[in-house]
Amino acid sequence: MKVLKDTKKELEIEITGETHSLCNTLRKTLMEDEDVEAAAYVIEHPIIGEPKLYVKAKNPKKSLKQAAETVKSRCNEFKDLIDSSEDEKKK
């Protein structure tokens, strides 16, 4: 990860090695936060481009951290559902 812009209300980062999957998930989760005014990302080249995520918020770093925690929690819930489904099949 590389910070491209870091001001009081704006944050832009380059997320090396990631794709639309993570970036769109973060963008959508960020927009659930009332403190976030805007969240977007761009991948300038479809093959060699690295995604750049932009956040405009009251505290963009805090909002990004909260969004990452929310995504992590949702992934864990999803994993638990899959695990319980597999356990049910074994019975």
Protein backbone atom coordinates (compact mmCIF):
# COMPACT_ATOMS: atom_id res chain seq x y z
CA MET A 1 0.00 0.00 0.00
CA LYS A 2 1.25 3.44 -0.89
CA VAL A 3 -0.25 6.72 0.35
CA LEU A 4 -0.69 9.16 -2.54
CA LYS A 5 -2.62 11.91 -0.76
CA ASP A 6 -3.24 12.43 2.94
CA THR A 7 -5.03 15.55 4.12
CA LYS A 8 -7.45 16.22 6.96
CA LYS A 9 -10.51 15.28 4.88
CA GLU A 10 -9.06 13.29 1.95
CA LEU A 11 -7.07 10.10 1.58
CA GLU A 12 -5.87 8.45 -1.61
CA ILE A 13 -3.96 5.20 -1.54
CA GLU A 14 -2.60 2.77 -4.09
CA ILE A 15 -3.35 -0.82 -3.12
CA THR A 16 -0.66 -2.97 -4.72
CA GLY A 17 -1.65 -6.40 -5.94
CA GLU A 18 -5.40 -6.00 -5.46
CA THR A 19 -8.29 -5.98 -7.91
CA HIS A 20 -11.87 -4.80 -8.25
CA SER A 21 -12.98 -7.37 -5.66
CA LEU A 22 -11.38 -5.72 -2.64
CA CYS A 23 -11.64 -2.15 -3.90
CA ASN A 24 -15.33 -2.31 -4.73
CA THR A 25 -16.07 -4.03 -1.42
CA LEU A 26 -14.21 -1.31 0.49
CA ARG A 27 -15.86 1.45 -1.56
CA LYS A 28 -19.33 0.09 -0.92
CA THR A 29 -18.65 -0.41 2.80
CA LEU A 30 -17.17 3.08 3.11
CA MET A 31 -20.35 4.56 1.63
CA GLU A 32 -22.37 2.98 4.46
CA ASP A 33 -20.53 5.33 6.86
CA GLU A 34 -22.40 8.61 7.49
CA ASP A 35 -19.08 10.43 7.91
CA VAL A 36 -17.97 9.53 4.37
CA GLU A 37 -18.82 12.07 1.71
CA ALA A 38 -17.25 10.17 -1.19
CA ALA A 39 -15.45 6.92 -1.87
CA ALA A 40 -14.22 5.74 -5.24
CA TYR A 41 -11.47 3.78 -6.88
CA VAL A 42 -9.87 3.56 -10.30
CA ILE A 43 -7.65 1.06 -12.05
CA GLU A 44 -6.09 3.03 -14.89
CA HIS A 45 -4.86 0.05 -16.92
CA PRO A 46 -6.73 -3.27 -16.95
CA ILE A 47 -3.59 -5.43 -17.06
CA ILE A 48 -0.81 -3.55 -15.29
CA GLY A 49 -2.70 -0.87 -13.36
CA GLU A 50 -2.72 -0.77 -9.59
CA PRO A 51 -5.97 0.33 -7.96
CA LYS A 52 -6.16 3.74 -6.36
CA LEU A 53 -8.77 4.21 -3.64
CA TYR A 54 -10.02 7.71 -2.79
CA VAL A 55 -11.89 8.61 0.40
CA LYS A 56 -13.34 11.99 1.39
CA ALA A 57 -14.64 12.02 4.96
CA LYS A 58 -14.52 13.75 8.34
CA ASN A 59 -11.66 11.40 9.23
CA PRO A 60 -10.78 9.30 6.17
CA LYS A 61 -8.21 7.07 7.89
CA LYS A 62 -10.64 6.21 10.67
CA SER A 63 -13.41 5.50 8.16
CA LEU A 64 -11.12 3.29 6.06
CA LYS A 65 -10.01 1.35 9.13
CA GLN A 66 -13.65 0.84 10.20
CA ALA A 67 -14.59 -0.29 6.69
CA ALA A 68 -11.72 -2.80 6.66
CA GLU A 69 -12.84 -4.18 10.03
CA THR A 70 -16.42 -4.46 8.77
CA VAL A 71 -15.31 -6.33 5.63
CA LYS A 72 -13.18 -8.66 7.76
CA SER A 73 -16.10 -9.36 10.09
CA ARG A 74 -18.46 -10.04 7.19
CA CYS A 75 -15.93 -12.43 5.63
CA ASN A 76 -15.61 -14.30 8.92
CA GLU A 77 -19.41 -14.58 9.17
CA PHE A 78 -19.55 -15.91 5.62
CA LYS A 79 -16.81 -18.44 6.36
CA ASP A 80 -18.67 -19.60 9.47
CA LEU A 81 -21.84 -20.10 7.42
CA ILE A 82 -19.94 -22.22 4.91
CA ASP A 83 -18.32 -24.25 7.70
CA SER A 84 -21.67 -24.90 9.40
CA SER A 85 -23.20 -25.89 6.07
CA GLU A 86 -20.42 -28.42 5.51
CA ASP A 87 -20.91 -29.76 9.05
CA GLU A 88 -24.63 -30.23 8.37
CA LYS A 89 -23.89 -32.22 5.20
CA LYS A 90 -21.64 -34.60 7.16
CA LYS A 91 -24.48 -35.55 9.53
